[in-house]
Amino acid sequence: VFGGDLAVITYRDAGGVTDEAEADQVMWGQVESSAGFR
C-alpha cells in the first residue's frame, strides 16, 4: 500500500523459539518508507 522497505526477524532468527510451530512467525517486523510511513 505505502511502499518502502520490509524488515522481519522471526523467532527462529532471534533464537527465541519456544514453540517450533511458531518459529517462523514475526518476532519483530517493520515497514518504513521514504515518505515517512512506519
PDB file of all heavy atoms in Angstrom:
ATOM      1  N   VAL A   1       0.821  -1.206   0.000  1.00  0.00           N
ATOM      2  CA  VAL A   1       0.000   0.000   0.000  1.00  0.00           C
ATOM      3  C   VAL A   1       0.858   1.259   0.000  1.00  0.00           C
ATOM      4  O   VAL A   1       0.673   2.158  -0.811  1.00  0.00           O
ATOM      5  CB  VAL A   1      -0.954   0.025   1.219  1.00  0.00           C
ATOM      6  CG1 VAL A   1      -1.644   1.381   1.349  1.00  0.00           C
ATOM      7  CG2 VAL A   1      -1.985  -1.095   1.134  1.00  0.00           C
ATOM      8  N   PHE A   2       1.819   1.334   0.935  1.00  0.00           N
ATOM      9  CA  PHE A   2       2.569   2.565   1.168  1.00  0.00           C
ATOM     10  C   PHE A   2       3.971   2.578   0.567  1.00  0.00           C
ATOM     11  O   PHE A   2       4.638   3.605   0.578  1.00  0.00           O
ATOM     12  CB  PHE A   2       2.682   2.844   2.668  1.00  0.00           C
ATOM     13  CG  PHE A   2       1.358   3.107   3.311  1.00  0.00           C
ATOM     14  CD1 PHE A   2       0.722   2.126   4.038  1.00  0.00           C
ATOM     15  CD2 PHE A   2       0.742   4.338   3.172  1.00  0.00           C
ATOM     16  CE1 PHE A   2      -0.517   2.364   4.626  1.00  0.00           C
ATOM     17  CE2 PHE A   2      -0.486   4.592   3.756  1.00  0.00           C
ATOM     18  CZ  PHE A   2      -1.125   3.601   4.481  1.00  0.00           C
ATOM     19  N   GLY A   3       4.433   1.430   0.064  1.00  0.00           N
ATOM     20  CA  GLY A   3       5.802   1.349  -0.432  1.00  0.00           C
ATOM     21  C   GLY A   3       6.769   1.250   0.731  1.00  0.00           C
ATOM     22  O   GLY A   3       6.385   1.176   1.887  1.00  0.00           O
ATOM     23  N   GLY A   4       8.050   1.217   0.414  1.00  0.00           N
ATOM     24  CA  GLY A   4       9.062   1.186   1.460  1.00  0.00           C
ATOM     25  C   GLY A   4       9.732  -0.159   1.590  1.00  0.00           C
ATOM     26  O   GLY A   4       9.563  -1.057   0.762  1.00  0.00           O
ATOM     27  N   ASP A   5      10.495  -0.265   2.650  1.00  0.00           N
ATOM     28  CA  ASP A   5      11.288  -1.470   2.911  1.00  0.00           C
ATOM     29  C   ASP A   5      10.675  -2.277   4.040  1.00  0.00           C
ATOM     30  O   ASP A   5      10.216  -1.726   5.046  1.00  0.00           O
ATOM     31  CB  ASP A   5      12.723  -1.081   3.287  1.00  0.00           C
ATOM     32  CG  ASP A   5      13.425  -0.361   2.146  1.00  0.00           C
ATOM     33  OD1 ASP A   5      13.301  -0.820   0.988  1.00  0.00           O
ATOM     34  OD2 ASP A   5      14.072   0.656   2.407  1.00  0.00           O
ATOM     35  N   LEU A   6      10.719  -3.585   3.875  1.00  0.00           N
ATOM     36  CA  LEU A   6      10.217  -4.520   4.877  1.00  0.00           C
ATOM     37  C   LEU A   6      11.392  -5.192   5.558  1.00  0.00           C
ATOM     38  O   LEU A   6      12.311  -5.673   4.892  1.00  0.00           O
ATOM     39  CB  LEU A   6       9.343  -5.584   4.201  1.00  0.00           C
ATOM     40  CG  LEU A   6       8.887  -6.760   5.051  1.00  0.00           C
ATOM     41  CD1 LEU A   6       7.945  -6.310   6.155  1.00  0.00           C
ATOM     42  CD2 LEU A   6       8.207  -7.806   4.168  1.00  0.00           C
ATOM     43  N   ALA A   7      11.376  -5.186   6.871  1.00  0.00           N
ATOM     44  CA  ALA A   7      12.389  -5.901   7.661  1.00  0.00           C
ATOM     45  C   ALA A   7      11.656  -6.839   8.609  1.00  0.00           C
ATOM     46  O   ALA A   7      10.704  -6.424   9.281  1.00  0.00           O
ATOM     47  CB  ALA A   7      13.244  -4.919   8.450  1.00  0.00           C
ATOM     48  N   VAL A   8      12.084  -8.097   8.652  1.00  0.00           N
ATOM     49  CA  VAL A   8      11.440  -9.085   9.512  1.00  0.00           C
ATOM     50  C   VAL A   8      12.501  -9.933  10.193  1.00  0.00           C
ATOM     51  O   VAL A   8      13.435 -10.416   9.551  1.00  0.00           O
ATOM     52  CB  VAL A   8      10.498 -10.013   8.707  1.00  0.00           C
ATOM     53  CG1 VAL A   8      10.008 -11.171   9.556  1.00  0.00           C
ATOM     54  CG2 VAL A   8       9.322  -9.235   8.142  1.00  0.00           C
ATOM     55  N   ILE A   9      12.338 -10.109  11.490  1.00  0.00           N
ATOM     56  CA  ILE A   9      13.144 -11.057  12.260  1.00  0.00           C
ATOM     57  C   ILE A   9      12.168 -12.040  12.879  1.00  0.00           C
ATOM     58  O   ILE A   9      11.228 -11.645  13.579  1.00  0.00           O
ATOM     59  CB  ILE A   9      13.963 -10.348  13.360  1.00  0.00           C
ATOM     60  CG1 ILE A   9      14.956  -9.369  12.716  1.00  0.00           C
ATOM     61  CG2 ILE A   9      14.668 -11.360  14.250  1.00  0.00           C
ATOM     62  CD1 ILE A   9      15.685  -8.484  13.709  1.00  0.00           C
ATOM     63  N   THR A  10      12.377 -13.315  12.594  1.00  0.00           N
ATOM     64  CA  THR A  10      11.494 -14.341  13.143  1.00  0.00           C
ATOM     65  C   THR A  10      11.996 -14.781  14.518  1.00  0.00           C
ATOM     66  O   THR A  10      13.122 -14.468  14.921  1.00  0.00           O
ATOM     67  CB  THR A  10      11.438 -15.570  12.220  1.00  0.00           C
ATOM     68  OG1 THR A  10      12.740 -16.176  12.195  1.00  0.00           O
ATOM     69  CG2 THR A  10      10.995 -15.193  10.806  1.00  0.00           C
ATOM     70  N   TYR A  11      11.152 -15.522  15.213  1.00  0.00           N
ATOM     71  CA  TYR A  11      11.577 -16.075  16.498  1.00  0.00           C
ATOM     72  C   TYR A  11      12.795 -16.982  16.298  1.00  0.00           C
ATOM     73  O   TYR A  11      13.712 -16.991  17.105  1.00  0.00           O
ATOM     74  CB  TYR A  11      10.428 -16.847  17.164  1.00  0.00           C
ATOM     75  CG  TYR A  11       9.382 -15.923  17.726  1.00  0.00           C
ATOM     76  CD1 TYR A  11       8.219 -15.639  17.019  1.00  0.00           C
ATOM     77  CD2 TYR A  11       9.566 -15.309  18.960  1.00  0.00           C
ATOM     78  CE1 TYR A  11       7.267 -14.773  17.526  1.00  0.00           C
ATOM     79  CE2 TYR A  11       8.620 -14.445  19.476  1.00  0.00           C
ATOM     80  CZ  TYR A  11       7.470 -14.175  18.761  1.00  0.00           C
ATOM     81  OH  TYR A  11       6.537 -13.310  19.259  1.00  0.00           O
ATOM     82  N   ARG A  12      12.821 -17.713  15.188  1.00  0.00           N
ATOM     83  CA  ARG A  12      13.968 -18.579  14.884  1.00  0.00           C
ATOM     84  C   ARG A  12      15.227 -17.741  14.694  1.00  0.00           C
ATOM     85  O   ARG A  12      16.280 -18.041  15.236  1.00  0.00           O
ATOM     86  CB  ARG A  12      13.696 -19.407  13.635  1.00  0.00           C
ATOM     87  CG  ARG A  12      14.804 -20.400  13.293  1.00  0.00           C
ATOM     88  CD  ARG A  12      14.555 -21.188  12.017  1.00  0.00           C
ATOM     89  NE  ARG A  12      13.217 -21.728  11.854  1.00  0.00           N
ATOM     90  CZ  ARG A  12      12.746 -22.829  12.439  1.00  0.00           C
ATOM     91  NH1 ARG A  12      13.512 -23.507  13.281  1.00  0.00           N
ATOM     92  NH2 ARG A  12      11.518 -23.251  12.200  1.00  0.00           N
ATOM     93  N   ASP A  13      15.105 -16.647  13.902  1.00  0.00           N
ATOM     94  CA  ASP A  13      16.256 -15.769  13.652  1.00  0.00           C
ATOM     95  C   ASP A  13      16.848 -15.237  14.955  1.00  0.00           C
ATOM     96  O   ASP A  13      18.064 -15.102  15.089  1.00  0.00           O
ATOM     97  CB  ASP A  13      15.851 -14.554  12.804  1.00  0.00           C
ATOM     98  CG  ASP A  13      15.390 -14.902  11.403  1.00  0.00           C
ATOM     99  OD1 ASP A  13      15.769 -15.968  10.883  1.00  0.00           O
ATOM    100  OD2 ASP A  13      14.637 -14.089  10.831  1.00  0.00           O
ATOM    101  N   ALA A  14      15.982 -14.916  15.896  1.00  0.00           N
ATOM    102  CA  ALA A  14      16.407 -14.294  17.152  1.00  0.00           C
ATOM    103  C   ALA A  14      16.785 -15.299  18.229  1.00  0.00           C
ATOM    104  O   ALA A  14      17.218 -14.905  19.314  1.00  0.00           O
ATOM    105  CB  ALA A  14      15.300 -13.388  17.674  1.00  0.00           C
ATOM    106  N   GLY A  15      16.620 -16.581  17.918  1.00  0.00           N
ATOM    107  CA  GLY A  15      16.926 -17.602  18.924  1.00  0.00           C
ATOM    108  C   GLY A  15      15.904 -17.647  20.044  1.00  0.00           C
ATOM    109  O   GLY A  15      16.195 -18.130  21.132  1.00  0.00           O
ATOM    110  N   GLY A  16      14.703 -17.148  19.762  1.00  0.00           N
ATOM    111  CA  GLY A  16      13.666 -17.103  20.791  1.00  0.00           C
ATOM    112  C   GLY A  16      12.567 -18.117  20.591  1.00  0.00           C
ATOM    113  O   GLY A  16      11.422 -17.862  20.937  1.00  0.00           O
ATOM    114  N   VAL A  17      12.907 -19.281  20.038  1.00  0.00           N
ATOM    115  CA  VAL A  17      11.898 -20.297  19.736  1.00  0.00           C
ATOM    116  C   VAL A  17      11.457 -21.002  21.012  1.00  0.00           C
ATOM    117  O   VAL A  17      12.263 -21.608  21.711  1.00  0.00           O
ATOM    118  CB  VAL A  17      12.433 -21.336  18.721  1.00  0.00           C
ATOM    119  CG1 VAL A  17      11.416 -22.439  18.477  1.00  0.00           C
ATOM    120  CG2 VAL A  17      12.830 -20.653  17.429  1.00  0.00           C
ATOM    121  N   THR A  18      10.170 -20.870  21.330  1.00  0.00           N
ATOM    122  CA  THR A  18       9.601 -21.624  22.452  1.00  0.00           C
ATOM    123  C   THR A  18       8.615 -22.669  21.948  1.00  0.00           C
ATOM    124  O   THR A  18       8.279 -23.589  22.674  1.00  0.00           O
ATOM    125  CB  THR A  18       8.882 -20.689  23.451  1.00  0.00           C
ATOM    126  OG1 THR A  18       7.863 -19.969  22.758  1.00  0.00           O
ATOM    127  CG2 THR A  18       9.862 -19.716  24.092  1.00  0.00           C
ATOM    128  N   ASP A  19       8.180 -22.501  20.698  1.00  0.00           N
ATOM    129  CA  ASP A  19       7.255 -23.438  20.072  1.00  0.00           C
ATOM    130  C   ASP A  19       7.657 -23.551  18.604  1.00  0.00           C
ATOM    131  O   ASP A  19       7.579 -22.565  17.858  1.00  0.00           O
ATOM    132  CB  ASP A  19       5.823 -22.926  20.214  1.00  0.00           C
ATOM    133  CG  ASP A  19       4.784 -23.852  19.599  1.00  0.00           C
ATOM    134  OD1 ASP A  19       5.148 -24.775  18.826  1.00  0.00           O
ATOM    135  OD2 ASP A  19       3.592 -23.647  19.871  1.00  0.00           O
ATOM    136  N   GLU A  20       8.086 -24.717  18.189  1.00  0.00           N
ATOM    137  CA  GLU A  20       8.577 -24.905  16.814  1.00  0.00           C
ATOM    138  C   GLU A  20       7.523 -24.513  15.780  1.00  0.00           C
ATOM    139  O   GLU A  20       7.867 -24.017  14.700  1.00  0.00           O
ATOM    140  CB  GLU A  20       9.022 -26.356  16.611  1.00  0.00           C
ATOM    141  CG  GLU A  20       9.736 -26.608  15.306  1.00  0.00           C
ATOM    142  CD  GLU A  20      11.012 -25.778  15.099  1.00  0.00           C
ATOM    143  OE1 GLU A  20      11.731 -25.493  16.083  1.00  0.00           O
ATOM    144  OE2 GLU A  20      11.283 -25.400  13.935  1.00  0.00           O
ATOM    145  N   ALA A  21       6.253 -24.682  16.082  1.00  0.00           N
ATOM    146  CA  ALA A  21       5.191 -24.313  15.145  1.00  0.00           C
ATOM    147  C   ALA A  21       5.147 -22.799  14.908  1.00  0.00           C
ATOM    148  O   ALA A  21       4.617 -22.347  13.899  1.00  0.00           O
ATOM    149  CB  ALA A  21       3.840 -24.806  15.660  1.00  0.00           C
ATOM    150  N   GLU A  22       5.697 -22.022  15.832  1.00  0.00           N
ATOM    151  CA  GLU A  22       5.688 -20.562  15.718  1.00  0.00           C
ATOM    152  C   GLU A  22       7.071 -19.988  15.395  1.00  0.00           C
ATOM    153  O   GLU A  22       7.245 -18.775  15.347  1.00  0.00           O
ATOM    154  CB  GLU A  22       5.184 -19.938  17.023  1.00  0.00           C
ATOM    155  CG  GLU A  22       3.762 -20.336  17.358  1.00  0.00           C
ATOM    156  CD  GLU A  22       3.305 -19.823  18.713  1.00  0.00           C
ATOM    157  OE1 GLU A  22       4.156 -19.460  19.560  1.00  0.00           O
ATOM    158  OE2 GLU A  22       2.090 -19.786  18.933  1.00  0.00           O
ATOM    159  N   ALA A  23       8.047 -20.852  15.146  1.00  0.00           N
ATOM    160  CA  ALA A  23       9.441 -20.410  14.967  1.00  0.00           C
ATOM    161  C   ALA A  23       9.626 -19.425  13.826  1.00  0.00           C
ATOM    162  O   ALA A  23      10.475 -18.535  13.900  1.00  0.00           O
ATOM    163  CB  ALA A  23      10.348 -21.627  14.763  1.00  0.00           C
ATOM    164  N   ASP A  24       8.835 -19.539  12.759  1.00  0.00           N
ATOM    165  CA  ASP A  24       8.989 -18.657  11.610  1.00  0.00           C
ATOM    166  C   ASP A  24       8.013 -17.483  11.614  1.00  0.00           C
ATOM    167  O   ASP A  24       7.910 -16.748  10.632  1.00  0.00           O
ATOM    168  CB  ASP A  24       8.877 -19.466  10.317  1.00  0.00           C
ATOM    169  CG  ASP A  24      10.042 -20.447  10.182  1.00  0.00           C
ATOM    170  OD1 ASP A  24      11.181 -20.048  10.504  1.00  0.00           O
ATOM    171  OD2 ASP A  24       9.803 -21.594   9.786  1.00  0.00           O
ATOM    172  N   GLN A  25       7.328 -17.292  12.739  1.00  0.00           N
ATOM    173  CA  GLN A  25       6.474 -16.114  12.882  1.00  0.00           C
ATOM    174  C   GLN A  25       7.331 -14.904  13.234  1.00  0.00           C
ATOM    175  O   GLN A  25       8.490 -15.026  13.619  1.00  0.00           O
ATOM    176  CB  GLN A  25       5.394 -16.357  13.936  1.00  0.00           C
ATOM    177  CG  GLN A  25       4.368 -17.367  13.476  1.00  0.00           C
ATOM    178  CD  GLN A  25       3.230 -17.528  14.459  1.00  0.00           C
ATOM    179  OE1 GLN A  25       3.212 -16.944  15.541  1.00  0.00           O
ATOM    180  NE2 GLN A  25       2.257 -18.342  14.083  1.00  0.00           N
ATOM    181  N   VAL A  26       6.747 -13.737  13.129  1.00  0.00           N
ATOM    182  CA  VAL A  26       7.480 -12.475  13.291  1.00  0.00           C
ATOM    183  C   VAL A  26       7.665 -12.123  14.768  1.00  0.00           C
ATOM    184  O   VAL A  26       6.702 -11.930  15.493  1.00  0.00           O
ATOM    185  CB  VAL A  26       6.741 -11.337  12.562  1.00  0.00           C
ATOM    186  CG1 VAL A  26       7.442 -10.001  12.786  1.00  0.00           C
ATOM    187  CG2 VAL A  26       6.625 -11.646  11.073  1.00  0.00           C
ATOM    188  N   MET A  27       8.945 -12.039  15.163  1.00  0.00           N
ATOM    189  CA  MET A  27       9.272 -11.551  16.497  1.00  0.00           C
ATOM    190  C   MET A  27       9.380 -10.025  16.470  1.00  0.00           C
ATOM    191  O   MET A  27       9.018  -9.345  17.414  1.00  0.00           O
ATOM    192  CB  MET A  27      10.576 -12.149  16.999  1.00  0.00           C
ATOM    193  CG  MET A  27      10.951 -11.715  18.385  1.00  0.00           C
ATOM    194  SD  MET A  27      12.466 -12.564  18.870  1.00  0.00           S
ATOM    195  CE  MET A  27      12.502 -12.144  20.591  1.00  0.00           C
ATOM    196  N   TRP A  28       9.897  -9.494  15.378  1.00  0.00           N
ATOM    197  CA  TRP A  28       9.971  -8.056  15.158  1.00  0.00           C
ATOM    198  C   TRP A  28       9.904  -7.809  13.669  1.00  0.00           C
ATOM    199  O   TRP A  28      10.586  -8.460  12.888  1.00  0.00           O
ATOM    200  CB  TRP A  28      11.287  -7.476  15.697  1.00  0.00           C
ATOM    201  CG  TRP A  28      11.429  -6.012  15.437  1.00  0.00           C
ATOM    202  CD1 TRP A  28      10.971  -4.995  16.226  1.00  0.00           C
ATOM    203  CD2 TRP A  28      12.031  -5.392  14.293  1.00  0.00           C
ATOM    204  NE1 TRP A  28      11.257  -3.790  15.648  1.00  0.00           N
ATOM    205  CE2 TRP A  28      11.923  -3.999  14.453  1.00  0.00           C
ATOM    206  CE3 TRP A  28      12.657  -5.872  13.156  1.00  0.00           C
ATOM    207  CZ2 TRP A  28      12.404  -3.091  13.533  1.00  0.00           C
ATOM    208  CZ3 TRP A  28      13.134  -4.969  12.221  1.00  0.00           C
ATOM    209  CH2 TRP A  28      13.018  -3.598  12.417  1.00  0.00           C
ATOM    210  N   GLY A  29       9.046  -6.889  13.272  1.00  0.00           N
ATOM    211  CA  GLY A  29       8.944  -6.543  11.867  1.00  0.00           C
ATOM    212  C   GLY A  29       8.607  -5.077  11.708  1.00  0.00           C
ATOM    213  O   GLY A  29       8.033  -4.454  12.607  1.00  0.00           O
ATOM    214  N   GLN A  30       8.988  -4.546  10.557  1.00  0.00           N
ATOM    215  CA  GLN A  30       8.736  -3.128  10.307  1.00  0.00           C
ATOM    216  C   GLN A  30       8.663  -2.861   8.815  1.00  0.00           C
ATOM    217  O   GLN A  30       9.398  -3.449   8.034  1.00  0.00           O
ATOM    218  CB  GLN A  30       9.857  -2.281  10.899  1.00  0.00           C
ATOM    219  CG  GLN A  30       9.737  -0.794  10.614  1.00  0.00           C
ATOM    220  CD  GLN A  30      10.820   0.003  11.308  1.00  0.00           C
ATOM    221  OE1 GLN A  30      10.728   0.232  12.495  1.00  0.00           O
ATOM    222  NE2 GLN A  30      11.844   0.389  10.568  1.00  0.00           N
ATOM    223  N   VAL A  31       7.767  -1.959   8.448  1.00  0.00           N
ATOM    224  CA  VAL A  31       7.732  -1.374   7.112  1.00  0.00           C
ATOM    225  C   VAL A  31       8.034   0.095   7.303  1.00  0.00           C
ATOM    226  O   VAL A  31       7.451   0.755   8.167  1.00  0.00           O
ATOM    227  CB  VAL A  31       6.349  -1.538   6.446  1.00  0.00           C
ATOM    228  CG1 VAL A  31       6.280  -0.739   5.154  1.00  0.00           C
ATOM    229  CG2 VAL A  31       6.042  -2.988   6.185  1.00  0.00           C
ATOM    230  N   GLU A  32       8.969   0.613   6.485  1.00  0.00           N
ATOM    231  CA  GLU A  32       9.322   2.020   6.561  1.00  0.00           C
ATOM    232  C   GLU A  32       9.535   2.547   5.152  1.00  0.00           C
ATOM    233  O   GLU A  32      10.257   1.946   4.362  1.00  0.00           O
ATOM    234  CB  GLU A  32      10.583   2.214   7.387  1.00  0.00           C
ATOM    235  CG  GLU A  32      10.956   3.650   7.595  1.00  0.00           C
ATOM    236  CD  GLU A  32      12.094   3.831   8.581  1.00  0.00           C
ATOM    237  OE1 GLU A  32      12.798   2.848   8.893  1.00  0.00           O
ATOM    238  OE2 GLU A  32      12.282   4.967   9.029  1.00  0.00           O
ATOM    239  N   SER A  33       8.871   3.669   4.841  1.00  0.00           N
ATOM    240  CA  SER A  33       9.009   4.255   3.511  1.00  0.00           C
ATOM    241  C   SER A  33       9.727   5.592   3.593  1.00  0.00           C
ATOM    242  O   SER A  33       9.738   6.247   4.642  1.00  0.00           O
ATOM    243  CB  SER A  33       7.637   4.458   2.862  1.00  0.00           C
ATOM    244  OG  SER A  33       7.009   5.601   3.388  1.00  0.00           O
ATOM    245  N   SER A  34      10.277   6.016   2.474  1.00  0.00           N
ATOM    246  CA  SER A  34      10.964   7.304   2.421  1.00  0.00           C
ATOM    247  C   SER A  34       9.990   8.466   2.583  1.00  0.00           C
ATOM    248  O   SER A  34      10.393   9.573   2.910  1.00  0.00           O
ATOM    249  CB  SER A  34      11.736   7.441   1.104  1.00  0.00           C
ATOM    250  OG  SER A  34      10.841   7.368   0.012  1.00  0.00           O
ATOM    251  N   ALA A  35       8.691   8.199   2.386  1.00  0.00           N
ATOM    252  CA  ALA A  35       7.671   9.241   2.553  1.00  0.00           C
ATOM    253  C   ALA A  35       7.331   9.477   4.023  1.00  0.00           C
ATOM    254  O   ALA A  35       6.580  10.382   4.348  1.00  0.00           O
ATOM    255  CB  ALA A  35       6.412   8.875   1.784  1.00  0.00           C
ATOM    256  N   GLY A  36       7.869   8.626   4.920  1.00  0.00           N
ATOM    257  CA  GLY A  36       7.633   8.810   6.347  1.00  0.00           C
ATOM    258  C   GLY A  36       6.719   7.789   6.991  1.00  0.00           C
ATOM    259  O   GLY A  36       6.510   7.818   8.206  1.00  0.00           O
ATOM    260  N   PHE A  37       6.173   6.849   6.210  1.00  0.00           N
ATOM    261  CA  PHE A  37       5.318   5.823   6.791  1.00  0.00           C
ATOM    262  C   PHE A  37       6.175   4.807   7.535  1.00  0.00           C
ATOM    263  O   PHE A  37       7.199   4.353   7.024  1.00  0.00           O
ATOM    264  CB  PHE A  37       4.514   5.104   5.700  1.00  0.00           C
ATOM    265  CG  PHE A  37       3.678   3.977   6.229  1.00  0.00           C
ATOM    266  CD1 PHE A  37       2.453   4.239   6.817  1.00  0.00           C
ATOM    267  CD2 PHE A  37       4.127   2.680   6.163  1.00  0.00           C
ATOM    268  CE1 PHE A  37       1.685   3.197   7.327  1.00  0.00           C
ATOM    269  CE2 PHE A  37       3.374   1.633   6.668  1.00  0.00           C
ATOM    270  CZ  PHE A  37       2.144   1.891   7.249  1.00  0.00           C
ATOM    271  N   ARG A  38       5.750   4.442   8.738  1.00  0.00           N
ATOM    272  CA  ARG A  38       6.450   3.401   9.502  1.00  0.00           C
ATOM    273  C   ARG A  38       5.423   2.658  10.347  1.00  0.00           C
ATOM    274  O   ARG A  38       4.612   3.270  11.027  1.00  0.00           O
ATOM    275  CB  ARG A  38       7.508   4.001  10.404  1.00  0.00           C
ATOM    276  CG  ARG A  38       8.285   2.906  11.148  1.00  0.00           C
ATOM    277  CD  ARG A  38       9.312   3.428  12.125  1.00  0.00           C
ATOM    278  NE  ARG A  38      10.231   4.337  11.489  1.00  0.00           N
ATOM    279  CZ  ARG A  38      10.690   5.449  12.067  1.00  0.00           C
ATOM    280  NH1 ARG A  38      10.322   5.779  13.273  1.00  0.00           N
ATOM    281  NH2 ARG A  38      11.527   6.233  11.431  1.00  0.00           N
TER     282      ARG A  38
END
